[in-house]
Each structure stands twice: as structure tokens, then as C-alpha cells.
Amino acid sequence: MKKVAILQSNYIPWKGYFDLIADVDDFVIYDEVQYTRRDWRNRNKIKTRDGTKWLTIPVQSKGLFSEKISEMKVAETNWSEEHFKTLRHAYAKAACFDDHADFIEQLYLDAAKLSYLSQVNSLFIEAICRKLQIETRIKQSCQFTLQDGKSERLLGICKDLQADVYVSGPAAKSYLDEALFAEQNIKVEWYSYGEYPEYRQLHPPFEHAVSILDLLFNTGKAARSFMRLHNRTA
């Protein structure tokens, strides 16, 4: 039974994003849709001793109101250096920072060479999947001929991938037409992130809704055991 999920790209997403990827056979980064400001597309949170802090990729969005995520350009050249410096300052004393510092720093060096937000997000998502031993096939929405209509577009991608099950995040309940999927014998399964165990995190109180980098820096090779991944074989 083939399972497919389709989500917009996020910058260094939280652990739940990667659990959803791991739950399916094919994952599609859905960036041929309108860019949304002050959202997870170009920013995410980390923990610091002063509380949570946003890391934000500057993008060229002034005067652009209908641009697709895939069309958003990075606005500055030194953002990646600044982000890694901030991460080093926040997590240098974390238990497993040294285990992952070189890996993450190289991602930022590679990201500095990229012009588009989608490229940056995909770079981090795919590399962190490899680090977590997630073997899901990752595709880009630009690889598909997209239909008109929110539900129709998602259904079209599922059909192209010969999906038996479409796994959707709960936010889509407000618009997804499940009847369209049923007509094509594709089951819609609503993903539930459930409750996660806490781990030893710098700077209490504990916060789940932060970037996956927090989990990697604090738990290292044990990261999978604090995700739903621990129920699956690496």
C-alpha cells in the first residue's frame, strides 16, 4: 500500500515534519503555491537562554503578493553565516553540539550559494532526512503537471504517484475534499503528531515547537528515540 504526503517546505522544520516524511513512501515538497509571510516557510525557532528565538531567512518579498514559494529569492548573502553563529552561541554547551556542528556548518556553507528559498529549505530537509536515516523518496511539486483547485492539485499528484493513501496534515481539514479522493480509490489519512517525550534540553522550560536542530544538538544519535521514528526500522 503506497502512501504519499504533500507539504510546503519549511526552514529547518520541527521534528513532527520529519516524522510525517518518514510515515510515507513518497513525500512531495509543495512549493508551487503562494508564499505566505510571517510563516514557517523562511523561519523557525531555536532555544536560547533568553527564551525561543526566530532564525529568519531574508527574502525579497516587498511588493510581491502572489509569488509562489518556489519563486522567492533570498535577499542577502550573509544570512547563513549569521544563522550558524547564532546556533553556535545558543547550543555550544549542548551535549551533542560537537557531534553535529561540522555537518550543520557545511549545510550553511552550501546554502550560502543558493539563490532561492525553496532550494535552501530542500537542502536542509533532504540532508537531515539522511542524517535521521529516513529513506522516503522526496520529490518537488514542480515535477508534476498541477491541476486547478486545491484538492484537485493534491489529488493529481497522488494519482501521478499511484498512491493508495494520501497522508495529510490536520490543517488541511478545512478545505480538503475527501470525496474527490474516494472517487479515485485513494484513502485520506489524517496525520496525528501525538505526544512527544521530553529530552534534556538547554534552557528550561521545555519547548517542543522548535527546529529539529535543537533535538540533534541535544540528543545526537539518540534523536530518533524521541520521535515517532523509534517505532520504525532505520
C-alpha atoms as a PDB file:
ATOM      1  CA  MET A   1       0.000   0.000   0.000  1.00  0.00           C
ATOM      2  CA  LYS A   2       1.687   3.178  -1.201  1.00  0.00           C
ATOM      3  CA  LYS A   3       1.437   6.274   0.993  1.00  0.00           C
ATOM      4  CA  VAL A   4       2.065   9.838  -0.164  1.00  0.00           C
ATOM      5  CA  ALA A   5       2.294  13.134   1.741  1.00  0.00           C
ATOM      6  CA  ILE A   6       2.473  16.649   0.301  1.00  0.00           C
ATOM      7  CA  LEU A   7       3.603  19.673   2.347  1.00  0.00           C
ATOM      8  CA  GLN A   8       5.009  23.126   1.740  1.00  0.00           C
ATOM      9  CA  SER A   9       8.674  23.441   2.582  1.00  0.00           C
ATOM     10  CA  ASN A  10       9.714  24.851   5.943  1.00  0.00           C
ATOM     11  CA  TYR A  11      13.068  26.205   7.042  1.00  0.00           C
ATOM     12  CA  ILE A  12      14.816  23.736   9.395  1.00  0.00           C
ATOM     13  CA  PRO A  13      11.412  22.245  10.421  1.00  0.00           C
ATOM     14  CA  TRP A  14      10.424  20.767  13.780  1.00  0.00           C
ATOM     15  CA  LYS A  15      10.617  17.014  14.463  1.00  0.00           C
ATOM     16  CA  GLY A  16       6.972  16.406  13.522  1.00  0.00           C
ATOM     17  CA  TYR A  17       7.666  17.442   9.934  1.00  0.00           C
ATOM     18  CA  PHE A  18      10.280  14.705   9.657  1.00  0.00           C
ATOM     19  CA  ASP A  19       8.032  12.141  11.326  1.00  0.00           C
ATOM     20  CA  LEU A  20       5.416  12.799   8.646  1.00  0.00           C
ATOM     21  CA  ILE A  21       8.036  12.350   5.928  1.00  0.00           C
ATOM     22  CA  ALA A  22       9.104   9.048   7.479  1.00  0.00           C
ATOM     23  CA  ASP A  23       5.495   7.834   7.583  1.00  0.00           C
ATOM     24  CA  VAL A  24       5.118   7.741   3.784  1.00  0.00           C
ATOM     25  CA  ASP A  25       6.750   6.238   0.716  1.00  0.00           C
ATOM     26  CA  ASP A  26       6.851   9.456  -1.317  1.00  0.00           C
ATOM     27  CA  PHE A  27       6.981  12.991   0.077  1.00  0.00           C
ATOM     28  CA  VAL A  28       6.361  15.984  -2.166  1.00  0.00           C
ATOM     29  CA  ILE A  29       7.668  19.433  -1.287  1.00  0.00           C
ATOM     30  CA  TYR A  30       4.741  21.576  -2.403  1.00  0.00           C
ATOM     31  CA  ASP A  31       6.245  24.946  -3.302  1.00  0.00           C
ATOM     32  CA  GLU A  32       4.199  25.821  -6.395  1.00  0.00           C
ATOM     33  CA  VAL A  33       1.723  27.659  -4.154  1.00  0.00           C
ATOM     34  CA  GLN A  34       1.560  31.216  -2.869  1.00  0.00           C
ATOM     35  CA  TYR A  35       4.230  32.313  -0.427  1.00  0.00           C
ATOM     36  CA  THR A  36       2.864  33.253   2.993  1.00  0.00           C
ATOM     37  CA  ARG A  37       4.593  35.885   5.110  1.00  0.00           C
ATOM     38  CA  ARG A  38       5.436  35.531   8.793  1.00  0.00           C
ATOM     39  CA  ASP A  39       5.091  31.772   8.441  1.00  0.00           C
ATOM     40  CA  TRP A  40       7.335  28.701   8.674  1.00  0.00           C
ATOM     41  CA  ARG A  41       8.464  28.969   5.048  1.00  0.00           C
ATOM     42  CA  ASN A  42      11.518  31.116   5.806  1.00  0.00           C
ATOM     43  CA  ARG A  43      11.878  30.952   9.583  1.00  0.00           C
ATOM     44  CA  ASN A  44      11.887  28.690  12.605  1.00  0.00           C
ATOM     45  CA  LYS A  45      12.542  28.801  16.330  1.00  0.00           C
ATOM     46  CA  ILE A  46      15.508  27.700  18.406  1.00  0.00           C
ATOM     47  CA  LYS A  47      16.037  27.684  22.184  1.00  0.00           C
ATOM     48  CA  THR A  48      18.316  30.229  23.845  1.00  0.00           C
ATOM     49  CA  ARG A  49      18.917  31.156  27.469  1.00  0.00           C
ATOM     50  CA  ASP A  50      16.636  34.153  26.864  1.00  0.00           C
ATOM     51  CA  GLY A  51      13.793  32.001  25.548  1.00  0.00           C
ATOM     52  CA  THR A  52      12.893  30.999  21.998  1.00  0.00           C
ATOM     53  CA  LYS A  53      14.404  32.975  19.134  1.00  0.00           C
ATOM     54  CA  TRP A  54      13.439  33.164  15.473  1.00  0.00           C
ATOM     55  CA  LEU A  55      16.005  32.382  12.796  1.00  0.00           C
ATOM     56  CA  THR A  56      14.693  34.065   9.649  1.00  0.00           C
ATOM     57  CA  ILE A  57      15.992  33.857   6.099  1.00  0.00           C
ATOM     58  CA  PRO A  58      15.598  37.316   4.498  1.00  0.00           C
ATOM     59  CA  VAL A  59      13.648  37.098   1.257  1.00  0.00           C
ATOM     60  CA  GLN A  60      12.753  39.586  -1.473  1.00  0.00           C
ATOM     61  CA  SER A  61       9.052  39.942  -0.713  1.00  0.00           C
ATOM     62  CA  LYS A  62       8.401  43.697  -0.757  1.00  0.00           C
ATOM     63  CA  GLY A  63       5.629  44.447  -3.225  1.00  0.00           C
ATOM     64  CA  LEU A  64       5.223  40.753  -4.071  1.00  0.00           C
ATOM     65  CA  PHE A  65       1.783  39.476  -3.104  1.00  0.00           C
ATOM     66  CA  SER A  66       1.154  36.471  -5.346  1.00  0.00           C
ATOM     67  CA  GLU A  67       4.616  34.955  -5.792  1.00  0.00           C
ATOM     68  CA  LYS A  68       4.952  31.209  -5.363  1.00  0.00           C
ATOM     69  CA  ILE A  69       7.207  29.844  -2.650  1.00  0.00           C
ATOM     70  CA  SER A  70       9.438  28.463  -5.395  1.00  0.00           C
ATOM     71  CA  GLU A  71       9.872  31.977  -6.810  1.00  0.00           C
ATOM     72  CA  MET A  72      11.019  33.630  -3.580  1.00  0.00           C
ATOM     73  CA  LYS A  73      14.621  34.796  -3.733  1.00  0.00           C
ATOM     74  CA  VAL A  74      16.980  35.090  -0.788  1.00  0.00           C
ATOM     75  CA  ALA A  75      17.576  38.790  -0.139  1.00  0.00           C
ATOM     76  CA  GLU A  76      21.026  38.806   1.500  1.00  0.00           C
ATOM     77  CA  THR A  77      24.252  36.875   1.126  1.00  0.00           C
ATOM     78  CA  ASN A  78      25.492  36.740   4.725  1.00  0.00           C
ATOM     79  CA  TRP A  79      22.356  35.280   6.373  1.00  0.00           C
ATOM     80  CA  SER A  80      23.739  31.730   6.515  1.00  0.00           C
ATOM     81  CA  GLU A  81      26.910  32.790   8.314  1.00  0.00           C
ATOM     82  CA  GLU A  82      24.853  34.754  10.843  1.00  0.00           C
ATOM     83  CA  HIS A  83      22.468  31.836  11.424  1.00  0.00           C
ATOM     84  CA  PHE A  84      25.261  29.389  12.142  1.00  0.00           C
ATOM     85  CA  LYS A  85      26.927  31.865  14.508  1.00  0.00           C
ATOM     86  CA  THR A  86      23.629  32.197  16.360  1.00  0.00           C
ATOM     87  CA  LEU A  87      23.262  28.420  16.558  1.00  0.00           C
ATOM     88  CA  ARG A  88      26.803  28.027  17.848  1.00  0.00           C
ATOM     89  CA  HIS A  89      26.206  30.654  20.522  1.00  0.00           C
ATOM     90  CA  ALA A  90      22.919  29.052  21.590  1.00  0.00           C
ATOM     91  CA  TYR A  91      23.986  25.394  21.530  1.00  0.00           C
ATOM     92  CA  ALA A  92      27.750  25.278  22.091  1.00  0.00           C
ATOM     93  CA  LYS A  93      27.171  23.748  25.532  1.00  0.00           C
ATOM     94  CA  ALA A  94      24.572  21.240  24.338  1.00  0.00           C
ATOM     95  CA  ALA A  95      25.538  17.601  24.912  1.00  0.00           C
ATOM     96  CA  CYS A  96      25.892  16.697  21.233  1.00  0.00           C
ATOM     97  CA  PHE A  97      26.666  20.019  19.561  1.00  0.00           C
ATOM     98  CA  ASP A  98      30.189  18.952  18.627  1.00  0.00           C
ATOM     99  CA  ASP A  99      28.847  15.743  17.065  1.00  0.00           C
ATOM    100  CA  HIS A 100      26.774  17.688  14.541  1.00  0.00           C
ATOM    101  CA  ALA A 101      28.464  21.087  14.263  1.00  0.00           C
ATOM    102  CA  ASP A 102      30.557  20.264  11.179  1.00  0.00           C
ATOM    103  CA  PHE A 103      27.582  18.696   9.402  1.00  0.00           C
ATOM    104  CA  ILE A 104      25.330  21.685  10.057  1.00  0.00           C
ATOM    105  CA  GLU A 105      28.033  24.240   9.287  1.00  0.00           C
ATOM    106  CA  GLN A 106      28.624  22.616   5.895  1.00  0.00           C
ATOM    107  CA  LEU A 107      24.908  22.845   5.128  1.00  0.00           C
ATOM    108  CA  TYR A 108      25.036  26.565   5.824  1.00  0.00           C
ATOM    109  CA  LEU A 109      28.105  26.966   3.616  1.00  0.00           C
ATOM    110  CA  ASP A 110      26.243  25.170   0.825  1.00  0.00           C
ATOM    111  CA  ALA A 111      23.070  27.192   1.462  1.00  0.00           C
ATOM    112  CA  ALA A 112      25.001  30.449   1.045  1.00  0.00           C
ATOM    113  CA  LYS A 113      25.491  29.567  -2.632  1.00  0.00           C
ATOM    114  CA  LEU A 114      21.753  29.173  -3.315  1.00  0.00           C
ATOM    115  CA  SER A 115      19.514  31.937  -4.646  1.00  0.00           C
ATOM    116  CA  TYR A 116      16.021  30.627  -3.869  1.00  0.00           C
ATOM    117  CA  LEU A 117      14.296  29.886  -0.570  1.00  0.00           C
ATOM    118  CA  SER A 118      12.937  26.565  -1.829  1.00  0.00           C
ATOM    119  CA  GLN A 119      16.430  25.418  -2.683  1.00  0.00           C
ATOM    120  CA  VAL A 120      17.660  26.252   0.804  1.00  0.00           C
ATOM    121  CA  ASN A 121      14.750  24.517   2.509  1.00  0.00           C
ATOM    122  CA  SER A 122      15.123  21.405   0.357  1.00  0.00           C
ATOM    123  CA  LEU A 123      18.854  21.265   1.061  1.00  0.00           C
ATOM    124  CA  PHE A 124      18.261  21.140   4.819  1.00  0.00           C
ATOM    125  CA  ILE A 125      15.235  18.831   4.674  1.00  0.00           C
ATOM    126  CA  GLU A 126      16.916  16.225   2.489  1.00  0.00           C
ATOM    127  CA  ALA A 127      20.219  16.294   4.390  1.00  0.00           C
ATOM    128  CA  ILE A 128      18.544  15.970   7.793  1.00  0.00           C
ATOM    129  CA  CYS A 129      16.437  13.087   6.473  1.00  0.00           C
ATOM    130  CA  ARG A 130      19.640  11.304   5.556  1.00  0.00           C
ATOM    131  CA  LYS A 131      21.068  12.053   8.995  1.00  0.00           C
ATOM    132  CA  LEU A 132      17.953  10.551  10.615  1.00  0.00           C
ATOM    133  CA  GLN A 133      18.082   7.559   8.244  1.00  0.00           C
ATOM    134  CA  ILE A 134      14.729   8.416   6.686  1.00  0.00           C
ATOM    135  CA  GLU A 135      14.595   6.663   3.314  1.00  0.00           C
ATOM    136  CA  THR A 136      11.415   8.247   1.949  1.00  0.00           C
ATOM    137  CA  ARG A 137      11.657   9.411  -1.672  1.00  0.00           C
ATOM    138  CA  ILE A 138      11.479  13.213  -1.776  1.00  0.00           C
ATOM    139  CA  LYS A 139      10.134  14.989  -4.840  1.00  0.00           C
ATOM    140  CA  GLN A 140       9.373  18.590  -5.832  1.00  0.00           C
ATOM    141  CA  SER A 141       5.909  19.799  -6.860  1.00  0.00           C
ATOM    142  CA  CYS A 142       7.428  21.374  -9.999  1.00  0.00           C
ATOM    143  CA  GLN A 143       7.958  17.837 -11.294  1.00  0.00           C
ATOM    144  CA  PHE A 144       4.193  17.416 -11.710  1.00  0.00           C
ATOM    145  CA  THR A 145       1.540  18.898 -14.007  1.00  0.00           C
ATOM    146  CA  LEU A 146      -0.610  20.692 -11.475  1.00  0.00           C
ATOM    147  CA  GLN A 147      -4.393  20.944 -11.784  1.00  0.00           C
ATOM    148  CA  ASP A 148      -6.643  23.872 -10.870  1.00  0.00           C
ATOM    149  CA  GLY A 149      -8.259  23.726  -7.415  1.00  0.00           C
ATOM    150  CA  LYS A 150      -6.665  22.995  -4.036  1.00  0.00           C
ATOM    151  CA  SER A 151      -7.959  19.452  -3.655  1.00  0.00           C
ATOM    152  CA  GLU A 152      -7.638  18.703  -7.369  1.00  0.00           C
ATOM    153  CA  ARG A 153      -3.949  19.610  -7.338  1.00  0.00           C
ATOM    154  CA  LEU A 154      -3.186  17.313  -4.429  1.00  0.00           C
ATOM    155  CA  LEU A 155      -5.262  14.526  -5.941  1.00  0.00           C
ATOM    156  CA  GLY A 156      -3.448  14.889  -9.265  1.00  0.00           C
ATOM    157  CA  ILE A 157      -0.068  14.455  -7.603  1.00  0.00           C
ATOM    158  CA  CYS A 158      -1.323  11.401  -5.719  1.00  0.00           C
ATOM    159  CA  LYS A 159      -2.611   9.857  -8.932  1.00  0.00           C
ATOM    160  CA  ASP A 160       0.690  10.511 -10.704  1.00  0.00           C
ATOM    161  CA  LEU A 161       2.470   8.736  -7.853  1.00  0.00           C
ATOM    162  CA  GLN A 162      -0.065   5.870  -7.884  1.00  0.00           C
ATOM    163  CA  ALA A 163      -0.892   6.456  -4.225  1.00  0.00           C
ATOM    164  CA  ASP A 164      -3.261   4.230  -2.292  1.00  0.00           C
ATOM    165  CA  VAL A 165      -3.246   6.545   0.732  1.00  0.00           C
ATOM    166  CA  TYR A 166      -2.836  10.303   0.972  1.00  0.00           C
ATOM    167  CA  VAL A 167      -1.480  11.301   4.382  1.00  0.00           C
ATOM    168  CA  SER A 168      -2.399  14.891   5.172  1.00  0.00           C
ATOM    169  CA  GLY A 169      -1.537  17.249   7.972  1.00  0.00           C
ATOM    170  CA  PRO A 170      -4.519  18.235  10.138  1.00  0.00           C
ATOM    171  CA  ALA A 171      -4.538  21.849   8.882  1.00  0.00           C
ATOM    172  CA  ALA A 172      -5.991  20.724   5.539  1.00  0.00           C
ATOM    173  CA  LYS A 173      -9.249  19.543   7.109  1.00  0.00           C
ATOM    174  CA  SER A 174     -10.738  22.967   6.453  1.00  0.00           C
ATOM    175  CA  TYR A 175     -10.555  22.646   2.681  1.00  0.00           C
ATOM    176  CA  LEU A 176      -9.688  19.122   1.505  1.00  0.00           C
ATOM    177  CA  ASP A 177     -12.486  17.430  -0.461  1.00  0.00           C
ATOM    178  CA  GLU A 178     -12.181  13.826   0.677  1.00  0.00           C
ATOM    179  CA  ALA A 179     -14.945  12.747  -1.710  1.00  0.00           C
ATOM    180  CA  LEU A 180     -12.703  13.507  -4.697  1.00  0.00           C
ATOM    181  CA  PHE A 181     -10.062  11.151  -3.327  1.00  0.00           C
ATOM    182  CA  ALA A 182     -12.644   8.464  -2.555  1.00  0.00           C
ATOM    183  CA  GLU A 183     -13.830   8.579  -6.181  1.00  0.00           C
ATOM    184  CA  GLN A 184     -10.290   7.627  -7.226  1.00  0.00           C
ATOM    185  CA  ASN A 185      -9.992   4.923  -4.548  1.00  0.00           C
ATOM    186  CA  ILE A 186      -7.403   6.906  -2.614  1.00  0.00           C
ATOM    187  CA  LYS A 187      -7.866   6.864   1.146  1.00  0.00           C
ATOM    188  CA  VAL A 188      -7.262  10.089   3.063  1.00  0.00           C
ATOM    189  CA  GLU A 189      -5.446   9.551   6.344  1.00  0.00           C
ATOM    190  CA  TRP A 190      -5.154  12.443   8.800  1.00  0.00           C
ATOM    191  CA  TYR A 191      -1.756  12.538  10.435  1.00  0.00           C
ATOM    192  CA  SER A 192      -1.642  12.984  14.203  1.00  0.00           C
ATOM    193  CA  TYR A 193       1.622  14.105  15.725  1.00  0.00           C
ATOM    194  CA  GLY A 194       0.568  12.867  19.149  1.00  0.00           C
ATOM    195  CA  GLU A 195       2.570  13.482  22.302  1.00  0.00           C
ATOM    196  CA  TYR A 196       6.331  13.535  22.266  1.00  0.00           C
ATOM    197  CA  PRO A 197       8.644  12.630  25.152  1.00  0.00           C
ATOM    198  CA  GLU A 198      10.816  15.374  26.561  1.00  0.00           C
ATOM    199  CA  TYR A 199      14.590  15.211  26.329  1.00  0.00           C
ATOM    200  CA  ARG A 200      17.342  17.050  28.157  1.00  0.00           C
ATOM    201  CA  GLN A 201      17.069  20.473  26.574  1.00  0.00           C
ATOM    202  CA  LEU A 202      19.174  23.513  27.368  1.00  0.00           C
ATOM    203  CA  HIS A 203      17.434  26.448  28.981  1.00  0.00           C
ATOM    204  CA  PRO A 204      14.140  25.230  30.508  1.00  0.00           C
ATOM    205  CA  PRO A 205      11.171  25.261  30.405  1.00  0.00           C
ATOM    206  CA  PHE A 206      10.950  22.537  27.775  1.00  0.00           C
ATOM    207  CA  GLU A 207       9.657  23.534  24.332  1.00  0.00           C
ATOM    208  CA  HIS A 208       8.617  21.028  21.645  1.00  0.00           C
ATOM    209  CA  ALA A 209       7.845  23.539  18.879  1.00  0.00           C
ATOM    210  CA  VAL A 210      11.408  24.332  17.857  1.00  0.00           C
ATOM    211  CA  SER A 211      13.638  23.320  14.964  1.00  0.00           C
ATOM    212  CA  ILE A 212      14.840  19.742  14.596  1.00  0.00           C
ATOM    213  CA  LEU A 213      18.337  21.164  15.146  1.00  0.00           C
ATOM    214  CA  ASP A 214      17.508  21.519  18.834  1.00  0.00           C
ATOM    215  CA  LEU A 215      16.867  17.780  19.047  1.00  0.00           C
ATOM    216  CA  LEU A 216      20.045  16.908  17.136  1.00  0.00           C
ATOM    217  CA  PHE A 217      22.284  19.167  19.203  1.00  0.00           C
ATOM    218  CA  ASN A 218      20.839  17.941  22.493  1.00  0.00           C
ATOM    219  CA  THR A 219      20.442  14.197  21.836  1.00  0.00           C
ATOM    220  CA  GLY A 220      22.760  13.338  18.932  1.00  0.00           C
ATOM    221  CA  LYS A 221      22.478   9.736  17.761  1.00  0.00           C
ATOM    222  CA  ALA A 222      19.558   9.182  20.145  1.00  0.00           C
ATOM    223  CA  ALA A 223      17.371  11.699  18.265  1.00  0.00           C
ATOM    224  CA  ARG A 224      15.201   9.018  16.668  1.00  0.00           C
ATOM    225  CA  SER A 225      14.194   7.688  20.080  1.00  0.00           C
ATOM    226  CA  PHE A 226      12.471  10.998  20.849  1.00  0.00           C
ATOM    227  CA  MET A 227      10.411  10.856  17.657  1.00  0.00           C
ATOM    228  CA  ARG A 228       7.782   8.525  16.246  1.00  0.00           C
ATOM    229  CA  LEU A 229      10.680   7.199  14.187  1.00  0.00           C
ATOM    230  CA  HIS A 230      11.621   4.956  17.096  1.00  0.00           C
ATOM    231  CA  ASN A 231       8.726   2.673  16.134  1.00  0.00           C
ATOM    232  CA  ARG A 232      10.227   2.125  12.681  1.00  0.00           C
ATOM    233  CA  THR A 233      13.289   0.308  11.466  1.00  0.00           C
ATOM    234  CA  ALA A 234      16.117   2.532  10.332  1.00  0.00           C
END
